[in-house]
Amino acid sequence: SIKECSMLDHASTFAQIFGFEFKNGKG
């Protein structure tokens, strides 16, 4: 568990799962 993150991090987290980058997001 971690305490907090930004909503803007979600897309990059999903991309990380599959091994690709989400370059245009701010998270």
mmCIF file of all heavy atoms, coordinates in Angstrom:
data_MODEL
# 
_entry.id   MODEL 
# 
loop_
_atom_site.group_PDB 
_atom_site.id 
_atom_site.type_symbol 
_atom_site.label_atom_id 
_atom_site.label_alt_id 
_atom_site.label_comp_id 
_atom_site.label_asym_id 
_atom_site.label_entity_id 
_atom_site.label_seq_id 
_atom_site.pdbx_PDB_ins_code 
_atom_site.Cartn_x 
_atom_site.Cartn_y 
_atom_site.Cartn_z 
_atom_site.occupancy 
_atom_site.B_iso_or_equiv 
_atom_site.pdbx_formal_charge 
_atom_site.auth_seq_id 
_atom_site.auth_comp_id 
_atom_site.auth_asym_id 
_atom_site.auth_atom_id 
_atom_site.pdbx_PDB_model_num 
ATOM 1   N N   . SER A 1 1  ? 0.825  -1.194 0.000   1.00 0.00 ? 1  SER A N   1 
ATOM 2   C CA  . SER A 1 1  ? 0.000  0.000  0.000   1.00 0.00 ? 1  SER A CA  1 
ATOM 3   C C   . SER A 1 1  ? 0.864  1.250  0.000   1.00 0.00 ? 1  SER A C   1 
ATOM 4   O O   . SER A 1 1  ? 1.906  1.294  0.661   1.00 0.00 ? 1  SER A O   1 
ATOM 5   C CB  . SER A 1 1  ? -0.915 0.007  1.240   1.00 0.00 ? 1  SER A CB  1 
ATOM 6   O OG  . SER A 1 1  ? -1.681 1.190  1.310   1.00 0.00 ? 1  SER A OG  1 
ATOM 7   N N   . ILE A 1 2  ? 0.452  2.255  -0.782  1.00 0.00 ? 2  ILE A N   1 
ATOM 8   C CA  . ILE A 1 2  ? 1.056  3.576  -0.691  1.00 0.00 ? 2  ILE A CA  1 
ATOM 9   C C   . ILE A 1 2  ? -0.049 4.579  -0.387  1.00 0.00 ? 2  ILE A C   1 
ATOM 10  O O   . ILE A 1 2  ? -1.232 4.325  -0.620  1.00 0.00 ? 2  ILE A O   1 
ATOM 11  C CB  . ILE A 1 2  ? 1.827  3.970  -1.968  1.00 0.00 ? 2  ILE A CB  1 
ATOM 12  C CG1 . ILE A 1 2  ? 0.892  4.033  -3.184  1.00 0.00 ? 2  ILE A CG1 1 
ATOM 13  C CG2 . ILE A 1 2  ? 2.959  3.006  -2.217  1.00 0.00 ? 2  ILE A CG2 1 
ATOM 14  C CD1 . ILE A 1 2  ? 1.578  4.520  -4.446  1.00 0.00 ? 2  ILE A CD1 1 
ATOM 15  N N   . LYS A 1 3  ? 0.329  5.714  0.131   1.00 0.00 ? 3  LYS A N   1 
ATOM 16  C CA  . LYS A 1 3  ? -0.650 6.671  0.643   1.00 0.00 ? 3  LYS A CA  1 
ATOM 17  C C   . LYS A 1 3  ? -1.387 7.425  -0.455  1.00 0.00 ? 3  LYS A C   1 
ATOM 18  O O   . LYS A 1 3  ? -2.591 7.647  -0.355  1.00 0.00 ? 3  LYS A O   1 
ATOM 19  C CB  . LYS A 1 3  ? 0.024  7.663  1.591   1.00 0.00 ? 3  LYS A CB  1 
ATOM 20  C CG  . LYS A 1 3  ? 0.521  7.042  2.886   1.00 0.00 ? 3  LYS A CG  1 
ATOM 21  C CD  . LYS A 1 3  ? -0.646 6.566  3.744   1.00 0.00 ? 3  LYS A CD  1 
ATOM 22  C CE  . LYS A 1 3  ? -0.163 6.012  5.080   1.00 0.00 ? 3  LYS A CE  1 
ATOM 23  N NZ  . LYS A 1 3  ? -1.293 5.467  5.889   1.00 0.00 ? 3  LYS A NZ  1 
ATOM 24  N N   . GLU A 1 4  ? -0.675 7.853  -1.498  1.00 0.00 ? 4  GLU A N   1 
ATOM 25  C CA  . GLU A 1 4  ? -1.328 8.727  -2.462  1.00 0.00 ? 4  GLU A CA  1 
ATOM 26  C C   . GLU A 1 4  ? -0.610 8.717  -3.806  1.00 0.00 ? 4  GLU A C   1 
ATOM 27  O O   . GLU A 1 4  ? 0.549  8.308  -3.911  1.00 0.00 ? 4  GLU A O   1 
ATOM 28  C CB  . GLU A 1 4  ? -1.401 10.164 -1.924  1.00 0.00 ? 4  GLU A CB  1 
ATOM 29  C CG  . GLU A 1 4  ? -0.037 10.776 -1.651  1.00 0.00 ? 4  GLU A CG  1 
ATOM 30  C CD  . GLU A 1 4  ? -0.143 12.139 -1.007  1.00 0.00 ? 4  GLU A CD  1 
ATOM 31  O OE1 . GLU A 1 4  ? -1.256 12.557 -0.663  1.00 0.00 ? 4  GLU A OE1 1 
ATOM 32  O OE2 . GLU A 1 4  ? 0.910  12.794 -0.858  1.00 0.00 ? 4  GLU A OE2 1 
ATOM 33  N N   . CYS A 1 5  ? -1.336 9.170  -4.827  1.00 0.00 ? 5  CYS A N   1 
ATOM 34  C CA  . CYS A 1 5  ? -0.768 9.426  -6.141  1.00 0.00 ? 5  CYS A CA  1 
ATOM 35  C C   . CYS A 1 5  ? -1.692 10.407 -6.848  1.00 0.00 ? 5  CYS A C   1 
ATOM 36  O O   . CYS A 1 5  ? -2.698 10.850 -6.280  1.00 0.00 ? 5  CYS A O   1 
ATOM 37  C CB  . CYS A 1 5  ? -0.584 8.141  -6.949  1.00 0.00 ? 5  CYS A CB  1 
ATOM 38  S SG  . CYS A 1 5  ? -2.087 7.558  -7.758  1.00 0.00 ? 5  CYS A SG  1 
ATOM 39  N N   . SER A 1 6  ? -1.379 10.735 -8.072  1.00 0.00 ? 6  SER A N   1 
ATOM 40  C CA  . SER A 1 6  ? -2.210 11.623 -8.869  1.00 0.00 ? 6  SER A CA  1 
ATOM 41  C C   . SER A 1 6  ? -3.058 10.814 -9.844  1.00 0.00 ? 6  SER A C   1 
ATOM 42  O O   . SER A 1 6  ? -2.627 9.768  -10.353 1.00 0.00 ? 6  SER A O   1 
ATOM 43  C CB  . SER A 1 6  ? -1.324 12.602 -9.649  1.00 0.00 ? 6  SER A CB  1 
ATOM 44  O OG  . SER A 1 6  ? -2.067 13.263 -10.657 1.00 0.00 ? 6  SER A OG  1 
ATOM 45  N N   . MET A 1 7  ? -4.256 11.312 -10.133 1.00 0.00 ? 7  MET A N   1 
ATOM 46  C CA  . MET A 1 7  ? -5.095 10.695 -11.160 1.00 0.00 ? 7  MET A CA  1 
ATOM 47  C C   . MET A 1 7  ? -4.366 10.639 -12.508 1.00 0.00 ? 7  MET A C   1 
ATOM 48  O O   . MET A 1 7  ? -4.616 9.749  -13.319 1.00 0.00 ? 7  MET A O   1 
ATOM 49  C CB  . MET A 1 7  ? -6.390 11.499 -11.306 1.00 0.00 ? 7  MET A CB  1 
ATOM 50  C CG  . MET A 1 7  ? -7.481 10.817 -12.076 1.00 0.00 ? 7  MET A CG  1 
ATOM 51  S SD  . MET A 1 7  ? -8.205 9.412  -11.192 1.00 0.00 ? 7  MET A SD  1 
ATOM 52  C CE  . MET A 1 7  ? -9.069 10.244 -9.849  1.00 0.00 ? 7  MET A CE  1 
ATOM 53  N N   . LEU A 1 8  ? -3.450 11.568 -12.717 1.00 0.00 ? 8  LEU A N   1 
ATOM 54  C CA  . LEU A 1 8  ? -2.723 11.622 -13.985 1.00 0.00 ? 8  LEU A CA  1 
ATOM 55  C C   . LEU A 1 8  ? -1.715 10.482 -14.115 1.00 0.00 ? 8  LEU A C   1 
ATOM 56  O O   . LEU A 1 8  ? -1.169 10.267 -15.202 1.00 0.00 ? 8  LEU A O   1 
ATOM 57  C CB  . LEU A 1 8  ? -2.005 12.964 -14.130 1.00 0.00 ? 8  LEU A CB  1 
ATOM 58  C CG  . LEU A 1 8  ? -2.880 14.214 -14.014 1.00 0.00 ? 8  LEU A CG  1 
ATOM 59  C CD1 . LEU A 1 8  ? -2.052 15.462 -14.265 1.00 0.00 ? 8  LEU A CD1 1 
ATOM 60  C CD2 . LEU A 1 8  ? -4.062 14.155 -14.976 1.00 0.00 ? 8  LEU A CD2 1 
ATOM 61  N N   . ASP A 1 9  ? -1.464 9.736  -13.040 1.00 0.00 ? 9  ASP A N   1 
ATOM 62  C CA  . ASP A 1 9  ? -0.514 8.620  -13.076 1.00 0.00 ? 9  ASP A CA  1 
ATOM 63  C C   . ASP A 1 9  ? -1.110 7.337  -13.658 1.00 0.00 ? 9  ASP A C   1 
ATOM 64  O O   . ASP A 1 9  ? -0.376 6.431  -14.049 1.00 0.00 ? 9  ASP A O   1 
ATOM 65  C CB  . ASP A 1 9  ? 0.006  8.315  -11.669 1.00 0.00 ? 9  ASP A CB  1 
ATOM 66  C CG  . ASP A 1 9  ? 0.812  9.448  -11.062 1.00 0.00 ? 9  ASP A CG  1 
ATOM 67  O OD1 . ASP A 1 9  ? 1.294  10.304 -11.820 1.00 0.00 ? 9  ASP A OD1 1 
ATOM 68  O OD2 . ASP A 1 9  ? 0.943  9.492  -9.821  1.00 0.00 ? 9  ASP A OD2 1 
ATOM 69  N N   . HIS A 1 10 ? -2.439 7.256  -13.710 1.00 0.00 ? 10 HIS A N   1 
ATOM 70  C CA  . HIS A 1 10 ? -3.064 5.970  -14.038 1.00 0.00 ? 10 HIS A CA  1 
ATOM 71  C C   . HIS A 1 10 ? -2.698 5.468  -15.434 1.00 0.00 ? 10 HIS A C   1 
ATOM 72  O O   . HIS A 1 10 ? -2.354 4.296  -15.613 1.00 0.00 ? 10 HIS A O   1 
ATOM 73  C CB  . HIS A 1 10 ? -4.581 6.077  -13.902 1.00 0.00 ? 10 HIS A CB  1 
ATOM 74  C CG  . HIS A 1 10 ? -5.073 6.202  -12.497 1.00 0.00 ? 10 HIS A CG  1 
ATOM 75  N ND1 . HIS A 1 10 ? -4.279 5.981  -11.389 1.00 0.00 ? 10 HIS A ND1 1 
ATOM 76  C CD2 . HIS A 1 10 ? -6.304 6.529  -12.005 1.00 0.00 ? 10 HIS A CD2 1 
ATOM 77  C CE1 . HIS A 1 10 ? -4.994 6.150  -10.298 1.00 0.00 ? 10 HIS A CE1 1 
ATOM 78  N NE2 . HIS A 1 10 ? -6.215 6.484  -10.637 1.00 0.00 ? 10 HIS A NE2 1 
ATOM 79  N N   . ALA A 1 11 ? -2.767 6.340  -16.441 1.00 0.00 ? 11 ALA A N   1 
ATOM 80  C CA  . ALA A 1 11 ? -2.497 5.885  -17.815 1.00 0.00 ? 11 ALA A CA  1 
ATOM 81  C C   . ALA A 1 11 ? -1.082 5.343  -17.945 1.00 0.00 ? 11 ALA A C   1 
ATOM 82  O O   . ALA A 1 11 ? -0.849 4.312  -18.592 1.00 0.00 ? 11 ALA A O   1 
ATOM 83  C CB  . ALA A 1 11 ? -2.733 7.031  -18.805 1.00 0.00 ? 11 ALA A CB  1 
ATOM 84  N N   . SER A 1 12 ? -0.129 6.026  -17.310 1.00 0.00 ? 12 SER A N   1 
ATOM 85  C CA  . SER A 1 12 ? 1.253  5.551  -17.367 1.00 0.00 ? 12 SER A CA  1 
ATOM 86  C C   . SER A 1 12 ? 1.423  4.236  -16.627 1.00 0.00 ? 12 SER A C   1 
ATOM 87  O O   . SER A 1 12 ? 2.223  3.373  -17.039 1.00 0.00 ? 12 SER A O   1 
ATOM 88  C CB  . SER A 1 12 ? 2.189  6.612  -16.769 1.00 0.00 ? 12 SER A CB  1 
ATOM 89  O OG  . SER A 1 12 ? 2.215  7.763  -17.590 1.00 0.00 ? 12 SER A OG  1 
ATOM 90  N N   . THR A 1 13 ? 0.683  4.056  -15.542 1.00 0.00 ? 13 THR A N   1 
ATOM 91  C CA  . THR A 1 13 ? 0.738  2.795  -14.794 1.00 0.00 ? 13 THR A CA  1 
ATOM 92  C C   . THR A 1 13 ? 0.208  1.650  -15.659 1.00 0.00 ? 13 THR A C   1 
ATOM 93  O O   . THR A 1 13 ? 0.800  0.565  -15.708 1.00 0.00 ? 13 THR A O   1 
ATOM 94  C CB  . THR A 1 13 ? -0.068 2.907  -13.494 1.00 0.00 ? 13 THR A CB  1 
ATOM 95  O OG1 . THR A 1 13 ? 0.454  3.972  -12.692 1.00 0.00 ? 13 THR A OG1 1 
ATOM 96  C CG2 . THR A 1 13 ? -0.005 1.611  -12.696 1.00 0.00 ? 13 THR A CG2 1 
ATOM 97  N N   . PHE A 1 14 ? -0.907 1.882  -16.359 1.00 0.00 ? 14 PHE A N   1 
ATOM 98  C CA  . PHE A 1 14 ? -1.450 0.834  -17.233 1.00 0.00 ? 14 PHE A CA  1 
ATOM 99  C C   . PHE A 1 14 ? -0.471 0.495  -18.355 1.00 0.00 ? 14 PHE A C   1 
ATOM 100 O O   . PHE A 1 14 ? -0.284 -0.677 -18.697 1.00 0.00 ? 14 PHE A O   1 
ATOM 101 C CB  . PHE A 1 14 ? -2.786 1.290  -17.825 1.00 0.00 ? 14 PHE A CB  1 
ATOM 102 C CG  . PHE A 1 14 ? -3.834 1.640  -16.807 1.00 0.00 ? 14 PHE A CG  1 
ATOM 103 C CD1 . PHE A 1 14 ? -4.763 2.639  -17.047 1.00 0.00 ? 14 PHE A CD1 1 
ATOM 104 C CD2 . PHE A 1 14 ? -3.895 0.974  -15.594 1.00 0.00 ? 14 PHE A CD2 1 
ATOM 105 C CE1 . PHE A 1 14 ? -5.723 2.970  -16.120 1.00 0.00 ? 14 PHE A CE1 1 
ATOM 106 C CE2 . PHE A 1 14 ? -4.859 1.294  -14.644 1.00 0.00 ? 14 PHE A CE2 1 
ATOM 107 C CZ  . PHE A 1 14 ? -5.778 2.295  -14.911 1.00 0.00 ? 14 PHE A CZ  1 
ATOM 108 N N   . ALA A 1 15 ? 0.166  1.522  -18.921 1.00 0.00 ? 15 ALA A N   1 
ATOM 109 C CA  . ALA A 1 15 ? 1.150  1.282  -19.982 1.00 0.00 ? 15 ALA A CA  1 
ATOM 110 C C   . ALA A 1 15 ? 2.335  0.479  -19.454 1.00 0.00 ? 15 ALA A C   1 
ATOM 111 O O   . ALA A 1 15 ? 2.840  -0.427 -20.125 1.00 0.00 ? 15 ALA A O   1 
ATOM 112 C CB  . ALA A 1 15 ? 1.621  2.614  -20.563 1.00 0.00 ? 15 ALA A CB  1 
ATOM 113 N N   . GLN A 1 16 ? 2.772  0.794  -18.239 1.00 0.00 ? 16 GLN A N   1 
ATOM 114 C CA  . GLN A 1 16 ? 3.904  0.094  -17.620 1.00 0.00 ? 16 GLN A CA  1 
ATOM 115 C C   . GLN A 1 16 ? 3.627  -1.396 -17.491 1.00 0.00 ? 16 GLN A C   1 
ATOM 116 O O   . GLN A 1 16 ? 4.520  -2.232 -17.686 1.00 0.00 ? 16 GLN A O   1 
ATOM 117 C CB  . GLN A 1 16 ? 4.185  0.694  -16.241 1.00 0.00 ? 16 GLN A CB  1 
ATOM 118 C CG  . GLN A 1 16 ? 5.360  0.087  -15.493 1.00 0.00 ? 16 GLN A CG  1 
ATOM 119 C CD  . GLN A 1 16 ? 6.698  0.567  -16.021 1.00 0.00 ? 16 GLN A CD  1 
ATOM 120 O OE1 . GLN A 1 16 ? 6.785  1.654  -16.588 1.00 0.00 ? 16 GLN A OE1 1 
ATOM 121 N NE2 . GLN A 1 16 ? 7.729  -0.222 -15.829 1.00 0.00 ? 16 GLN A NE2 1 
ATOM 122 N N   . ILE A 1 17 ? 2.388  -1.748 -17.190 1.00 0.00 ? 17 ILE A N   1 
ATOM 123 C CA  . ILE A 1 17 ? 2.021  -3.156 -17.041 1.00 0.00 ? 17 ILE A CA  1 
ATOM 124 C C   . ILE A 1 17 ? 2.329  -3.940 -18.311 1.00 0.00 ? 17 ILE A C   1 
ATOM 125 O O   . ILE A 1 17 ? 2.803  -5.085 -18.259 1.00 0.00 ? 17 ILE A O   1 
ATOM 126 C CB  . ILE A 1 17 ? 0.521  -3.270 -16.670 1.00 0.00 ? 17 ILE A CB  1 
ATOM 127 C CG1 . ILE A 1 17 ? 0.299  -2.824 -15.221 1.00 0.00 ? 17 ILE A CG1 1 
ATOM 128 C CG2 . ILE A 1 17 ? 0.007  -4.690 -16.889 1.00 0.00 ? 17 ILE A CG2 1 
ATOM 129 C CD1 . ILE A 1 17 ? -1.159 -2.703 -14.832 1.00 0.00 ? 17 ILE A CD1 1 
ATOM 130 N N   . PHE A 1 18 ? 2.112  -3.320 -19.472 1.00 0.00 ? 18 PHE A N   1 
ATOM 131 C CA  . PHE A 1 18 ? 2.308  -4.011 -20.744 1.00 0.00 ? 18 PHE A CA  1 
ATOM 132 C C   . PHE A 1 18 ? 3.676  -3.769 -21.359 1.00 0.00 ? 18 PHE A C   1 
ATOM 133 O O   . PHE A 1 18 ? 4.019  -4.364 -22.377 1.00 0.00 ? 18 PHE A O   1 
ATOM 134 C CB  . PHE A 1 18 ? 1.215  -3.583 -21.730 1.00 0.00 ? 18 PHE A CB  1 
ATOM 135 C CG  . PHE A 1 18 ? -0.131 -4.164 -21.403 1.00 0.00 ? 18 PHE A CG  1 
ATOM 136 C CD1 . PHE A 1 18 ? -1.017 -3.459 -20.610 1.00 0.00 ? 18 PHE A CD1 1 
ATOM 137 C CD2 . PHE A 1 18 ? -0.501 -5.419 -21.860 1.00 0.00 ? 18 PHE A CD2 1 
ATOM 138 C CE1 . PHE A 1 18 ? -2.260 -3.991 -20.288 1.00 0.00 ? 18 PHE A CE1 1 
ATOM 139 C CE2 . PHE A 1 18 ? -1.737 -5.958 -21.548 1.00 0.00 ? 18 PHE A CE2 1 
ATOM 140 C CZ  . PHE A 1 18 ? -2.619 -5.245 -20.757 1.00 0.00 ? 18 PHE A CZ  1 
ATOM 141 N N   . GLY A 1 19 ? 4.450  -2.885 -20.757 1.00 0.00 ? 19 GLY A N   1 
ATOM 142 C CA  . GLY A 1 19 ? 5.805  -2.677 -21.242 1.00 0.00 ? 19 GLY A CA  1 
ATOM 143 C C   . GLY A 1 19 ? 5.941  -1.620 -22.319 1.00 0.00 ? 19 GLY A C   1 
ATOM 144 O O   . GLY A 1 19 ? 6.920  -1.629 -23.068 1.00 0.00 ? 19 GLY A O   1 
ATOM 145 N N   . PHE A 1 20 ? 4.973  -0.711 -22.424 1.00 0.00 ? 20 PHE A N   1 
ATOM 146 C CA  . PHE A 1 20 ? 5.146  0.397  -23.374 1.00 0.00 ? 20 PHE A CA  1 
ATOM 147 C C   . PHE A 1 20 ? 5.062  1.726  -22.627 1.00 0.00 ? 20 PHE A C   1 
ATOM 148 O O   . PHE A 1 20 ? 4.593  1.792  -21.492 1.00 0.00 ? 20 PHE A O   1 
ATOM 149 C CB  . PHE A 1 20 ? 4.143  0.337  -24.527 1.00 0.00 ? 20 PHE A CB  1 
ATOM 150 C CG  . PHE A 1 20 ? 2.695  0.492  -24.141 1.00 0.00 ? 20 PHE A CG  1 
ATOM 151 C CD1 . PHE A 1 20 ? 2.109  1.741  -24.039 1.00 0.00 ? 20 PHE A CD1 1 
ATOM 152 C CD2 . PHE A 1 20 ? 1.895  -0.633 -23.925 1.00 0.00 ? 20 PHE A CD2 1 
ATOM 153 C CE1 . PHE A 1 20 ? 0.772  1.883  -23.709 1.00 0.00 ? 20 PHE A CE1 1 
ATOM 154 C CE2 . PHE A 1 20 ? 0.558  -0.504 -23.594 1.00 0.00 ? 20 PHE A CE2 1 
ATOM 155 C CZ  . PHE A 1 20 ? -0.001 0.760  -23.481 1.00 0.00 ? 20 PHE A CZ  1 
ATOM 156 N N   . GLU A 1 21 ? 5.536  2.780  -23.273 1.00 0.00 ? 21 GLU A N   1 
ATOM 157 C CA  . GLU A 1 21 ? 5.557  4.091  -22.647 1.00 0.00 ? 21 GLU A CA  1 
ATOM 158 C C   . GLU A 1 21 ? 4.316  4.897  -23.017 1.00 0.00 ? 21 GLU A C   1 
ATOM 159 O O   . GLU A 1 21 ? 3.772  4.751  -24.100 1.00 0.00 ? 21 GLU A O   1 
ATOM 160 C CB  . GLU A 1 21 ? 6.804  4.876  -23.097 1.00 0.00 ? 21 GLU A CB  1 
ATOM 161 C CG  . GLU A 1 21 ? 8.105  4.324  -22.562 1.00 0.00 ? 21 GLU A CG  1 
ATOM 162 C CD  . GLU A 1 21 ? 9.269  5.231  -22.926 1.00 0.00 ? 21 GLU A CD  1 
ATOM 163 O OE1 . GLU A 1 21 ? 9.430  6.275  -22.256 1.00 0.00 ? 21 GLU A OE1 1 
ATOM 164 O OE2 . GLU A 1 21 ? 9.984  4.915  -23.877 1.00 0.00 ? 21 GLU A OE2 1 
ATOM 165 N N   . PHE A 1 22 ? 3.913  5.730  -22.080 1.00 0.00 ? 22 PHE A N   1 
ATOM 166 C CA  . PHE A 1 22 ? 2.827  6.670  -22.341 1.00 0.00 ? 22 PHE A CA  1 
ATOM 167 C C   . PHE A 1 22 ? 3.446  8.059  -22.283 1.00 0.00 ? 22 PHE A C   1 
ATOM 168 O O   . PHE A 1 22 ? 3.485  8.703  -21.240 1.00 0.00 ? 22 PHE A O   1 
ATOM 169 C CB  . PHE A 1 22 ? 1.719  6.503  -21.300 1.00 0.00 ? 22 PHE A CB  1 
ATOM 170 C CG  . PHE A 1 22 ? 0.398  7.057  -21.751 1.00 0.00 ? 22 PHE A CG  1 
ATOM 171 C CD1 . PHE A 1 22 ? -0.488 6.276  -22.457 1.00 0.00 ? 22 PHE A CD1 1 
ATOM 172 C CD2 . PHE A 1 22 ? 0.053  8.373  -21.485 1.00 0.00 ? 22 PHE A CD2 1 
ATOM 173 C CE1 . PHE A 1 22 ? -1.704 6.784  -22.896 1.00 0.00 ? 22 PHE A CE1 1 
ATOM 174 C CE2 . PHE A 1 22 ? -1.145 8.894  -21.913 1.00 0.00 ? 22 PHE A CE2 1 
ATOM 175 C CZ  . PHE A 1 22 ? -2.030 8.098  -22.617 1.00 0.00 ? 22 PHE A CZ  1 
ATOM 176 N N   . LYS A 1 23 ? 3.951  8.523  -23.422 1.00 0.00 ? 23 LYS A N   1 
ATOM 177 C CA  . LYS A 1 23 ? 4.829  9.688  -23.443 1.00 0.00 ? 23 LYS A CA  1 
ATOM 178 C C   . LYS A 1 23 ? 4.105  11.014 -23.299 1.00 0.00 ? 23 LYS A C   1 
ATOM 179 O O   . LYS A 1 23 ? 4.673  11.980 -22.800 1.00 0.00 ? 23 LYS A O   1 
ATOM 180 C CB  . LYS A 1 23 ? 5.644  9.692  -24.738 1.00 0.00 ? 23 LYS A CB  1 
ATOM 181 C CG  . LYS A 1 23 ? 6.583  8.502  -24.881 1.00 0.00 ? 23 LYS A CG  1 
ATOM 182 C CD  . LYS A 1 23 ? 7.341  8.558  -26.197 1.00 0.00 ? 23 LYS A CD  1 
ATOM 183 C CE  . LYS A 1 23 ? 8.273  7.369  -26.348 1.00 0.00 ? 23 LYS A CE  1 
ATOM 184 N NZ  . LYS A 1 23 ? 9.011  7.397  -27.638 1.00 0.00 ? 23 LYS A NZ  1 
ATOM 185 N N   . ASN A 1 24 ? 2.845  11.101 -23.746 1.00 0.00 ? 24 ASN A N   1 
ATOM 186 C CA  . ASN A 1 24 ? 2.169  12.392 -23.791 1.00 0.00 ? 24 ASN A CA  1 
ATOM 187 C C   . ASN A 1 24 ? 1.451  12.762 -22.502 1.00 0.00 ? 24 ASN A C   1 
ATOM 188 O O   . ASN A 1 24 ? 0.992  13.883 -22.347 1.00 0.00 ? 24 ASN A O   1 
ATOM 189 C CB  . ASN A 1 24 ? 1.176  12.422 -24.959 1.00 0.00 ? 24 ASN A CB  1 
ATOM 190 C CG  . ASN A 1 24 ? 1.880  12.354 -26.302 1.00 0.00 ? 24 ASN A CG  1 
ATOM 191 O OD1 . ASN A 1 24 ? 3.013  12.799 -26.427 1.00 0.00 ? 24 ASN A OD1 1 
ATOM 192 N ND2 . ASN A 1 24 ? 1.232  11.773 -27.293 1.00 0.00 ? 24 ASN A ND2 1 
ATOM 193 N N   . GLY A 1 25 ? 1.325  11.820 -21.590 1.00 0.00 ? 25 GLY A N   1 
ATOM 194 C CA  . GLY A 1 25 ? 0.672  12.113 -20.322 1.00 0.00 ? 25 GLY A CA  1 
ATOM 195 C C   . GLY A 1 25 ? 1.574  12.901 -19.389 1.00 0.00 ? 25 GLY A C   1 
ATOM 196 O O   . GLY A 1 25 ? 2.801  12.906 -19.532 1.00 0.00 ? 25 GLY A O   1 
ATOM 197 N N   . LYS A 1 26 ? 0.964  13.559 -18.424 1.00 0.00 ? 26 LYS A N   1 
ATOM 198 C CA  . LYS A 1 26 ? 1.704  14.362 -17.447 1.00 0.00 ? 26 LYS A CA  1 
ATOM 199 C C   . LYS A 1 26 ? 2.041  13.591 -16.185 1.00 0.00 ? 26 LYS A C   1 
ATOM 200 O O   . LYS A 1 26 ? 2.773  14.085 -15.339 1.00 0.00 ? 26 LYS A O   1 
ATOM 201 C CB  . LYS A 1 26 ? 0.889  15.604 -17.081 1.00 0.00 ? 26 LYS A CB  1 
ATOM 202 C CG  . LYS A 1 26 ? 0.517  16.483 -18.269 1.00 0.00 ? 26 LYS A CG  1 
ATOM 203 C CD  . LYS A 1 26 ? 1.765  16.938 -19.025 1.00 0.00 ? 26 LYS A CD  1 
ATOM 204 C CE  . LYS A 1 26 ? 1.390  17.799 -20.211 1.00 0.00 ? 26 LYS A CE  1 
ATOM 205 N NZ  . LYS A 1 26 ? 2.556  18.166 -21.035 1.00 0.00 ? 26 LYS A NZ  1 
ATOM 206 N N   . GLY A 1 27 ? 1.504  12.382 -16.059 1.00 0.00 ? 27 GLY A N   1 
ATOM 207 C CA  . GLY A 1 27 ? 1.773  11.588 -14.864 1.00 0.00 ? 27 GLY A CA  1 
ATOM 208 C C   . GLY A 1 27 ? 2.945  10.651 -15.053 1.00 0.00 ? 27 GLY A C   1 
ATOM 209 O O   . GLY A 1 27 ? 3.617  10.644 -16.085 1.00 0.00 ? 27 GLY A O   1 
# 
